[in-house]
Amino acid sequence: MENYRANKKIIFRQEEDEGFLFNVDTGEIKVLNSVGVLVWKELDVRNTLEQIIERIATEFDIKSKEEVKKDLEKFITQLKENNLIYVR
């Protein structure tokens, strides 16, 4: 199983339910919704994807963990492609 870690060069800022990821190398900003904020925080404390899926399903009262897993994998891929996280 892959473990993901936040790129330490990314500055995270949360304002209410939204979050912002600022890449100091590129100057790019990515806006996160409330689920994205939760995922980012969970990656920061080094949880596994299974733990993150469980947390999302519980926090947002989602019955289909398969749907959560599919969406999370897509989001993780986007974060990797933008060098916001890395695989450890």
PDB file of N, CA and C in Angstrom:
ATOM      1  N   MET A   1       0.839  -1.189   0.000  1.00  0.00           N
ATOM      2  CA  MET A   1       0.000   0.000   0.000  1.00  0.00           C
ATOM      3  C   MET A   1       0.875   1.240   0.000  1.00  0.00           C
ATOM      4  N   GLU A   2       0.516   2.195  -0.830  1.00  0.00           N
ATOM      5  CA  GLU A   2       1.252   3.442  -0.895  1.00  0.00           C
ATOM      6  C   GLU A   2       0.856   4.353   0.252  1.00  0.00           C
ATOM      7  N   ASN A   3       1.838   5.045   0.776  1.00  0.00           N
ATOM      8  CA  ASN A   3       1.579   6.077   1.779  1.00  0.00           C
ATOM      9  C   ASN A   3       1.864   7.416   1.148  1.00  0.00           C
ATOM     10  N   TYR A   4       0.963   8.359   1.324  1.00  0.00           N
ATOM     11  CA  TYR A   4       1.097   9.674   0.730  1.00  0.00           C
ATOM     12  C   TYR A   4       1.439  10.692   1.799  1.00  0.00           C
ATOM     13  N   ARG A   5       2.282  11.624   1.425  1.00  0.00           N
ATOM     14  CA  ARG A   5       2.676  12.696   2.329  1.00  0.00           C
ATOM     15  C   ARG A   5       2.534  14.028   1.619  1.00  0.00           C
ATOM     16  N   ALA A   6       2.189  15.043   2.386  1.00  0.00           N
ATOM     17  CA  ALA A   6       2.087  16.388   1.833  1.00  0.00           C
ATOM     18  C   ALA A   6       3.480  16.903   1.489  1.00  0.00           C
ATOM     19  N   ASN A   7       3.583  17.570   0.345  1.00  0.00           N
ATOM     20  CA  ASN A   7       4.819  18.234  -0.047  1.00  0.00           C
ATOM     21  C   ASN A   7       5.054  19.354   0.959  1.00  0.00           C
ATOM     22  N   LYS A   8       6.210  19.356   1.595  1.00  0.00           N
ATOM     23  CA  LYS A   8       6.499  20.341   2.646  1.00  0.00           C
ATOM     24  C   LYS A   8       6.658  21.756   2.091  1.00  0.00           C
ATOM     25  N   LYS A   9       6.764  21.898   0.771  1.00  0.00           N
ATOM     26  CA  LYS A   9       6.873  23.221   0.159  1.00  0.00           C
ATOM     27  C   LYS A   9       5.504  23.828  -0.139  1.00  0.00           C
ATOM     28  N   ILE A  10       4.451  23.124   0.240  1.00  0.00           N
ATOM     29  CA  ILE A  10       3.091  23.610   0.014  1.00  0.00           C
ATOM     30  C   ILE A  10       2.592  24.291   1.281  1.00  0.00           C
ATOM     31  N   ILE A  11       2.070  25.482   1.110  1.00  0.00           N
ATOM     32  CA  ILE A  11       1.490  26.210   2.230  1.00  0.00           C
ATOM     33  C   ILE A  11      -0.024  26.005   2.190  1.00  0.00           C
ATOM     34  N   PHE A  12      -0.560  25.521   3.305  1.00  0.00           N
ATOM     35  CA  PHE A  12      -2.001  25.271   3.417  1.00  0.00           C
ATOM     36  C   PHE A  12      -2.623  26.353   4.287  1.00  0.00           C
ATOM     37  N   ARG A  13      -3.743  26.855   3.820  1.00  0.00           N
ATOM     38  CA  ARG A  13      -4.498  27.833   4.609  1.00  0.00           C
ATOM     39  C   ARG A  13      -5.976  27.476   4.504  1.00  0.00           C
ATOM     40  N   GLN A  14      -6.653  27.477   5.636  1.00  0.00           N
ATOM     41  CA  GLN A  14      -8.082  27.184   5.655  1.00  0.00           C
ATOM     42  C   GLN A  14      -8.847  28.431   6.045  1.00  0.00           C
ATOM     43  N   GLU A  15      -9.931  28.674   5.303  1.00  0.00           N
ATOM     44  CA  GLU A  15     -10.846  29.760   5.620  1.00  0.00           C
ATOM     45  C   GLU A  15     -12.250  29.192   5.546  1.00  0.00           C
ATOM     46  N   GLU A  16     -12.859  29.058   6.710  1.00  0.00           N
ATOM     47  CA  GLU A  16     -14.165  28.428   6.861  1.00  0.00           C
ATOM     48  C   GLU A  16     -14.123  27.020   6.288  1.00  0.00           C
ATOM     49  N   ASP A  17     -14.980  26.698   5.311  1.00  0.00           N
ATOM     50  CA  ASP A  17     -15.025  25.335   4.778  1.00  0.00           C
ATOM     51  C   ASP A  17     -14.071  25.110   3.619  1.00  0.00           C
ATOM     52  N   GLU A  18     -13.421  26.148   3.133  1.00  0.00           N
ATOM     53  CA  GLU A  18     -12.505  26.013   2.004  1.00  0.00           C
ATOM     54  C   GLU A  18     -11.059  26.017   2.479  1.00  0.00           C
ATOM     55  N   GLY A  19     -10.222  25.441   1.631  1.00  0.00           N
ATOM     56  CA  GLY A  19      -8.795  25.454   1.900  1.00  0.00           C
ATOM     57  C   GLY A  19      -8.065  25.878   0.648  1.00  0.00           C
ATOM     58  N   PHE A  20      -6.848  26.372   0.853  1.00  0.00           N
ATOM     59  CA  PHE A  20      -6.024  26.829  -0.262  1.00  0.00           C
ATOM     60  C   PHE A  20      -4.645  26.215  -0.120  1.00  0.00           C
ATOM     61  N   LEU A  21      -4.159  25.639  -1.216  1.00  0.00           N
ATOM     62  CA  LEU A  21      -2.817  25.090  -1.257  1.00  0.00           C
ATOM     63  C   LEU A  21      -1.984  25.983  -2.160  1.00  0.00           C
ATOM     64  N   PHE A  22      -0.921  26.547  -1.617  1.00  0.00           N
ATOM     65  CA  PHE A  22      -0.050  27.430  -2.380  1.00  0.00           C
ATOM     66  C   PHE A  22       1.281  26.737  -2.584  1.00  0.00           C
ATOM     67  N   ASN A  23       1.638  26.549  -3.855  1.00  0.00           N
ATOM     68  CA  ASN A  23       2.912  25.928  -4.216  1.00  0.00           C
ATOM     69  C   ASN A  23       3.956  27.032  -4.349  1.00  0.00           C
ATOM     70  N   VAL A  24       4.906  27.075  -3.416  1.00  0.00           N
ATOM     71  CA  VAL A  24       5.898  28.152  -3.416  1.00  0.00           C
ATOM     72  C   VAL A  24       6.845  28.063  -4.609  1.00  0.00           C
ATOM     73  N   ASP A  25       7.008  26.880  -5.168  1.00  0.00           N
ATOM     74  CA  ASP A  25       7.891  26.724  -6.333  1.00  0.00           C
ATOM     75  C   ASP A  25       7.271  27.261  -7.613  1.00  0.00           C
ATOM     76  N   THR A  26       5.967  27.062  -7.773  1.00  0.00           N
ATOM     77  CA  THR A  26       5.312  27.449  -9.031  1.00  0.00           C
ATOM     78  C   THR A  26       4.428  28.684  -8.905  1.00  0.00           C
ATOM     79  N   GLY A  27       4.072  29.043  -7.679  1.00  0.00           N
ATOM     80  CA  GLY A  27       3.162  30.167  -7.470  1.00  0.00           C
ATOM     81  C   GLY A  27       1.708  29.812  -7.703  1.00  0.00           C
ATOM     82  N   GLU A  28       1.421  28.544  -7.953  1.00  0.00           N
ATOM     83  CA  GLU A  28       0.051  28.109  -8.226  1.00  0.00           C
ATOM     84  C   GLU A  28      -0.724  27.904  -6.928  1.00  0.00           C
ATOM     85  N   ILE A  29      -2.031  28.155  -7.014  1.00  0.00           N
ATOM     86  CA  ILE A  29      -2.925  27.961  -5.880  1.00  0.00           C
ATOM     87  C   ILE A  29      -4.016  26.977  -6.284  1.00  0.00           C
ATOM     88  N   LYS A  30      -4.286  26.008  -5.415  1.00  0.00           N
ATOM     89  CA  LYS A  30      -5.391  25.066  -5.625  1.00  0.00           C
ATOM     90  C   LYS A  30      -6.396  25.284  -4.507  1.00  0.00           C
ATOM     91  N   VAL A  31      -7.659  25.415  -4.886  1.00  0.00           N
ATOM     92  CA  VAL A  31      -8.730  25.614  -3.919  1.00  0.00           C
ATOM     93  C   VAL A  31      -9.348  24.263  -3.579  1.00  0.00           C
ATOM     94  N   LEU A  32      -9.527  24.005  -2.299  1.00  0.00           N
ATOM     95  CA  LEU A  32     -10.109  22.752  -1.832  1.00  0.00           C
ATOM     96  C   LEU A  32     -11.476  23.000  -1.221  1.00  0.00           C
ATOM     97  N   ASN A  33     -12.406  22.080  -1.499  1.00  0.00           N
ATOM     98  CA  ASN A  33     -13.703  22.138  -0.816  1.00  0.00           C
ATOM     99  C   ASN A  33     -13.550  21.478   0.551  1.00  0.00           C
ATOM    100  N   SER A  34     -14.636  21.340   1.276  1.00  0.00           N
ATOM    101  CA  SER A  34     -14.564  20.808   2.644  1.00  0.00           C
ATOM    102  C   SER A  34     -14.035  19.378   2.694  1.00  0.00           C
ATOM    103  N   VAL A  35     -14.357  18.560   1.697  1.00  0.00           N
ATOM    104  CA  VAL A  35     -13.825  17.193   1.657  1.00  0.00           C
ATOM    105  C   VAL A  35     -12.323  17.238   1.384  1.00  0.00           C
ATOM    106  N   GLY A  36     -11.915  18.083   0.452  1.00  0.00           N
ATOM    107  CA  GLY A  36     -10.493  18.232   0.145  1.00  0.00           C
ATOM    108  C   GLY A  36      -9.696  18.688   1.353  1.00  0.00           C
ATOM    109  N   VAL A  37     -10.272  19.593   2.139  1.00  0.00           N
ATOM    110  CA  VAL A  37      -9.618  20.061   3.366  1.00  0.00           C
ATOM    111  C   VAL A  37      -9.435  18.897   4.329  1.00  0.00           C
ATOM    112  N   LEU A  38     -10.482  18.100   4.500  1.00  0.00           N
ATOM    113  CA  LEU A  38     -10.388  16.949   5.393  1.00  0.00           C
ATOM    114  C   LEU A  38      -9.293  15.997   4.914  1.00  0.00           C
ATOM    115  N   VAL A  39      -9.259  15.702   3.617  1.00  0.00           N
ATOM    116  CA  VAL A  39      -8.245  14.795   3.070  1.00  0.00           C
ATOM    117  C   VAL A  39      -6.856  15.358   3.319  1.00  0.00           C
ATOM    118  N   TRP A  40      -6.661  16.642   3.038  1.00  0.00           N
ATOM    119  CA  TRP A  40      -5.342  17.251   3.219  1.00  0.00           C
ATOM    120  C   TRP A  40      -4.884  17.120   4.679  1.00  0.00           C
ATOM    121  N   LYS A  41      -5.765  17.390   5.598  1.00  0.00           N
ATOM    122  CA  LYS A  41      -5.421  17.291   7.015  1.00  0.00           C
ATOM    123  C   LYS A  41      -5.112  15.849   7.410  1.00  0.00           C
ATOM    124  N   GLU A  42      -5.865  14.911   6.859  1.00  0.00           N
ATOM    125  CA  GLU A  42      -5.633  13.498   7.172  1.00  0.00           C
ATOM    126  C   GLU A  42      -4.303  13.019   6.594  1.00  0.00           C
ATOM    127  N   LEU A  43      -3.929  13.506   5.408  1.00  0.00           N
ATOM    128  CA  LEU A  43      -2.623  13.148   4.848  1.00  0.00           C
ATOM    129  C   LEU A  43      -1.518  13.706   5.729  1.00  0.00           C
ATOM    130  N   ASP A  44      -1.756  14.866   6.277  1.00  0.00           N
ATOM    131  CA  ASP A  44      -0.753  15.528   7.098  1.00  0.00           C
ATOM    132  C   ASP A  44      -0.462  14.762   8.382  1.00  0.00           C
ATOM    133  N   VAL A  45      -1.442  13.999   8.865  1.00  0.00           N
ATOM    134  CA  VAL A  45      -1.213  13.197  10.069  1.00  0.00           C
ATOM    135  C   VAL A  45      -0.884  11.746   9.724  1.00  0.00           C
ATOM    136  N   ARG A  46      -0.627  11.491   8.460  1.00  0.00           N
ATOM    137  CA  ARG A  46      -0.109  10.207   7.971  1.00  0.00           C
ATOM    138  C   ARG A  46      -1.062   9.040   8.117  1.00  0.00           C
ATOM    139  N   ASN A  47      -2.291   9.285   7.792  1.00  0.00           N
ATOM    140  CA  ASN A  47      -3.275   8.212   7.784  1.00  0.00           C
ATOM    141  C   ASN A  47      -3.204   7.430   6.480  1.00  0.00           C
ATOM    142  N   THR A  48      -3.665   6.193   6.529  1.00  0.00           N
ATOM    143  CA  THR A  48      -3.749   5.384   5.314  1.00  0.00           C
ATOM    144  C   THR A  48      -4.983   5.812   4.525  1.00  0.00           C
ATOM    145  N   LEU A  49      -5.044   5.402   3.266  1.00  0.00           N
ATOM    146  CA  LEU A  49      -6.224   5.720   2.459  1.00  0.00           C
ATOM    147  C   LEU A  49      -7.485   5.097   3.054  1.00  0.00           C
ATOM    148  N   GLU A  50      -7.367   3.909   3.600  1.00  0.00           N
ATOM    149  CA  GLU A  50      -8.525   3.270   4.210  1.00  0.00           C
ATOM    150  C   GLU A  50      -9.046   4.087   5.392  1.00  0.00           C
ATOM    151  N   GLN A  51      -8.134   4.622   6.188  1.00  0.00           N
ATOM    152  CA  GLN A  51      -8.545   5.457   7.312  1.00  0.00           C
ATOM    153  C   GLN A  51      -9.208   6.743   6.830  1.00  0.00           C
ATOM    154  N   ILE A  52      -8.667   7.306   5.756  1.00  0.00           N
ATOM    155  CA  ILE A  52      -9.235   8.540   5.205  1.00  0.00           C
ATOM    156  C   ILE A  52     -10.627   8.271   4.626  1.00  0.00           C
ATOM    157  N   ILE A  53     -10.788   7.159   3.923  1.00  0.00           N
ATOM    158  CA  ILE A  53     -12.094   6.781   3.379  1.00  0.00           C
ATOM    159  C   ILE A  53     -13.111   6.662   4.508  1.00  0.00           C
ATOM    160  N   GLU A  54     -12.734   5.996   5.566  1.00  0.00           N
ATOM    161  CA  GLU A  54     -13.616   5.817   6.723  1.00  0.00           C
ATOM    162  C   GLU A  54     -13.980   7.168   7.328  1.00  0.00           C
ATOM    163  N   ARG A  55     -13.012   8.041   7.453  1.00  0.00           N
ATOM    164  CA  ARG A  55     -13.254   9.368   8.044  1.00  0.00           C
ATOM    165  C   ARG A  55     -14.200  10.189   7.177  1.00  0.00           C
ATOM    166  N   ILE A  56     -13.994  10.175   5.847  1.00  0.00           N
ATOM    167  CA  ILE A  56     -14.874  10.920   4.942  1.00  0.00           C
ATOM    168  C   ILE A  56     -16.301  10.383   5.026  1.00  0.00           C
ATOM    169  N   ALA A  57     -16.429   9.054   4.965  1.00  0.00           N
ATOM    170  CA  ALA A  57     -17.754   8.434   5.008  1.00  0.00           C
ATOM    171  C   ALA A  57     -18.480   8.792   6.299  1.00  0.00           C
ATOM    172  N   THR A  58     -17.768   8.798   7.403  1.00  0.00           N
ATOM    173  CA  THR A  58     -18.370   9.128   8.696  1.00  0.00           C
ATOM    174  C   THR A  58     -18.697  10.613   8.793  1.00  0.00           C
ATOM    175  N   GLU A  59     -17.731  11.441   8.468  1.00  0.00           N
ATOM    176  CA  GLU A  59     -17.881  12.903   8.609  1.00  0.00           C
ATOM    177  C   GLU A  59     -19.005  13.469   7.742  1.00  0.00           C
ATOM    178  N   PHE A  60     -19.137  12.919   6.516  1.00  0.00           N
ATOM    179  CA  PHE A  60     -20.119  13.450   5.575  1.00  0.00           C
ATOM    180  C   PHE A  60     -21.318  12.526   5.391  1.00  0.00           C
ATOM    181  N   ASP A  61     -21.428  11.507   6.262  1.00  0.00           N
ATOM    182  CA  ASP A  61     -22.548  10.574   6.274  1.00  0.00           C
ATOM    183  C   ASP A  61     -22.809   9.985   4.884  1.00  0.00           C
ATOM    184  N   ILE A  62     -21.762   9.401   4.315  1.00  0.00           N
ATOM    185  CA  ILE A  62     -21.848   8.774   2.995  1.00  0.00           C
ATOM    186  C   ILE A  62     -21.880   7.264   3.191  1.00  0.00           C
ATOM    187  N   LYS A  63     -22.888   6.634   2.630  1.00  0.00           N
ATOM    188  CA  LYS A  63     -23.067   5.193   2.822  1.00  0.00           C
ATOM    189  C   LYS A  63     -22.136   4.354   1.938  1.00  0.00           C
ATOM    190  N   SER A  64     -21.886   4.811   0.714  1.00  0.00           N
ATOM    191  CA  SER A  64     -21.094   4.029  -0.232  1.00  0.00           C
ATOM    192  C   SER A  64     -19.603   4.350  -0.105  1.00  0.00           C
ATOM    193  N   LYS A  65     -18.894   3.470   0.586  1.00  0.00           N
ATOM    194  CA  LYS A  65     -17.451   3.661   0.725  1.00  0.00           C
ATOM    195  C   LYS A  65     -16.744   3.442  -0.606  1.00  0.00           C
ATOM    196  N   GLU A  66     -17.347   2.665  -1.499  1.00  0.00           N
ATOM    197  CA  GLU A  66     -16.778   2.473  -2.840  1.00  0.00           C
ATOM    198  C   GLU A  66     -16.765   3.787  -3.611  1.00  0.00           C
ATOM    199  N   GLU A  67     -17.830   4.552  -3.483  1.00  0.00           N
ATOM    200  CA  GLU A  67     -17.900   5.859  -4.139  1.00  0.00           C
ATOM    201  C   GLU A  67     -16.848   6.801  -3.549  1.00  0.00           C
ATOM    202  N   VAL A  68     -16.712   6.779  -2.232  1.00  0.00           N
ATOM    203  CA  VAL A  68     -15.702   7.601  -1.567  1.00  0.00           C
ATOM    204  C   VAL A  68     -14.312   7.204  -2.047  1.00  0.00           C
ATOM    205  N   LYS A  69     -14.058   5.901  -2.129  1.00  0.00           N
ATOM    206  CA  LYS A  69     -12.744   5.405  -2.558  1.00  0.00           C
ATOM    207  C   LYS A  69     -12.435   5.873  -3.977  1.00  0.00           C
ATOM    208  N   LYS A  70     -13.408   5.759  -4.878  1.00  0.00           N
ATOM    209  CA  LYS A  70     -13.216   6.171  -6.267  1.00  0.00           C
ATOM    210  C   LYS A  70     -12.886   7.667  -6.350  1.00  0.00           C
ATOM    211  N   ASP A  71     -13.660   8.481  -5.645  1.00  0.00           N
ATOM    212  CA  ASP A  71     -13.437   9.926  -5.647  1.00  0.00           C
ATOM    213  C   ASP A  71     -12.101  10.283  -5.002  1.00  0.00           C
ATOM    214  N   LEU A  72     -11.764   9.602  -3.917  1.00  0.00           N
ATOM    215  CA  LEU A  72     -10.498   9.872  -3.230  1.00  0.00           C
ATOM    216  C   LEU A  72      -9.310   9.525  -4.118  1.00  0.00           C
ATOM    217  N   GLU A  73      -9.378   8.397  -4.795  1.00  0.00           N
ATOM    218  CA  GLU A  73      -8.282   8.005  -5.689  1.00  0.00           C
ATOM    219  C   GLU A  73      -8.092   9.023  -6.808  1.00  0.00           C
ATOM    220  N   LYS A  74      -9.186   9.543  -7.337  1.00  0.00           N
ATOM    221  CA  LYS A  74      -9.112  10.575  -8.379  1.00  0.00           C
ATOM    222  C   LYS A  74      -8.464  11.844  -7.821  1.00  0.00           C
ATOM    223  N   PHE A  75      -8.874  12.249  -6.628  1.00  0.00           N
ATOM    224  CA  PHE A  75      -8.331  13.452  -5.994  1.00  0.00           C
ATOM    225  C   PHE A  75      -6.840  13.272  -5.698  1.00  0.00           C
ATOM    226  N   ILE A  76      -6.463  12.111  -5.183  1.00  0.00           N
ATOM    227  CA  ILE A  76      -5.053  11.823  -4.874  1.00  0.00           C
ATOM    228  C   ILE A  76      -4.215  11.907  -6.148  1.00  0.00           C
ATOM    229  N   THR A  77      -4.737  11.367  -7.247  1.00  0.00           N
ATOM    230  CA  THR A  77      -4.035  11.434  -8.534  1.00  0.00           C
ATOM    231  C   THR A  77      -3.808  12.890  -8.946  1.00  0.00           C
ATOM    232  N   GLN A  78      -4.815  13.727  -8.772  1.00  0.00           N
ATOM    233  CA  GLN A  78      -4.677  15.156  -9.104  1.00  0.00           C
ATOM    234  C   GLN A  78      -3.623  15.823  -8.227  1.00  0.00           C
ATOM    235  N   LEU A  79      -3.619  15.492  -6.950  1.00  0.00           N
ATOM    236  CA  LEU A  79      -2.624  16.069  -6.041  1.00  0.00           C
ATOM    237  C   LEU A  79      -1.210  15.645  -6.433  1.00  0.00           C
ATOM    238  N   LYS A  80      -1.048  14.362  -6.795  1.00  0.00           N
ATOM    239  CA  LYS A  80       0.278  13.876  -7.224  1.00  0.00           C
ATOM    240  C   LYS A  80       0.723  14.560  -8.507  1.00  0.00           C
ATOM    241  N   GLU A  81      -0.186  14.668  -9.483  1.00  0.00           N
ATOM    242  CA  GLU A  81       0.153  15.283 -10.767  1.00  0.00           C
ATOM    243  C   GLU A  81       0.569  16.746 -10.615  1.00  0.00           C
ATOM    244  N   ASN A  82       0.062  17.402  -9.585  1.00  0.00           N
ATOM    245  CA  ASN A  82       0.400  18.805  -9.327  1.00  0.00           C
ATOM    246  C   ASN A  82       1.521  18.966  -8.297  1.00  0.00           C
ATOM    247  N   ASN A  83       2.190  17.852  -7.970  1.00  0.00           N
ATOM    248  CA  ASN A  83       3.305  17.848  -7.023  1.00  0.00           C
ATOM    249  C   ASN A  83       2.931  18.426  -5.655  1.00  0.00           C
ATOM    250  N   LEU A  84       1.689  18.233  -5.258  1.00  0.00           N
ATOM    251  CA  LEU A  84       1.250  18.699  -3.950  1.00  0.00           C
ATOM    252  C   LEU A  84       1.487  17.650  -2.881  1.00  0.00           C
ATOM    253  N   ILE A  85       1.550  16.398  -3.310  1.00  0.00           N
ATOM    254  CA  ILE A  85       1.862  15.289  -2.405  1.00  0.00           C
ATOM    255  C   ILE A  85       2.875  14.380  -3.099  1.00  0.00           C
ATOM    256  N   TYR A  86       3.454  13.482  -2.318  1.00  0.00           N
ATOM    257  CA  TYR A  86       4.353  12.488  -2.886  1.00  0.00           C
ATOM    258  C   TYR A  86       4.087  11.147  -2.228  1.00  0.00           C
ATOM    259  N   VAL A  87       4.580  10.100  -2.871  1.00  0.00           N
ATOM    260  CA  VAL A  87       4.409   8.745  -2.358  1.00  0.00           C
ATOM    261  C   VAL A  87       5.632   8.401  -1.518  1.00  0.00           C
ATOM    262  N   ARG A  88       5.363   7.865  -0.354  1.00  0.00           N
ATOM    263  CA  ARG A  88       6.471   7.469   0.496  1.00  0.00           C
ATOM    264  C   ARG A  88       6.515   5.974   0.617  1.00  0.00           C
TER     265      ARG A  88
END
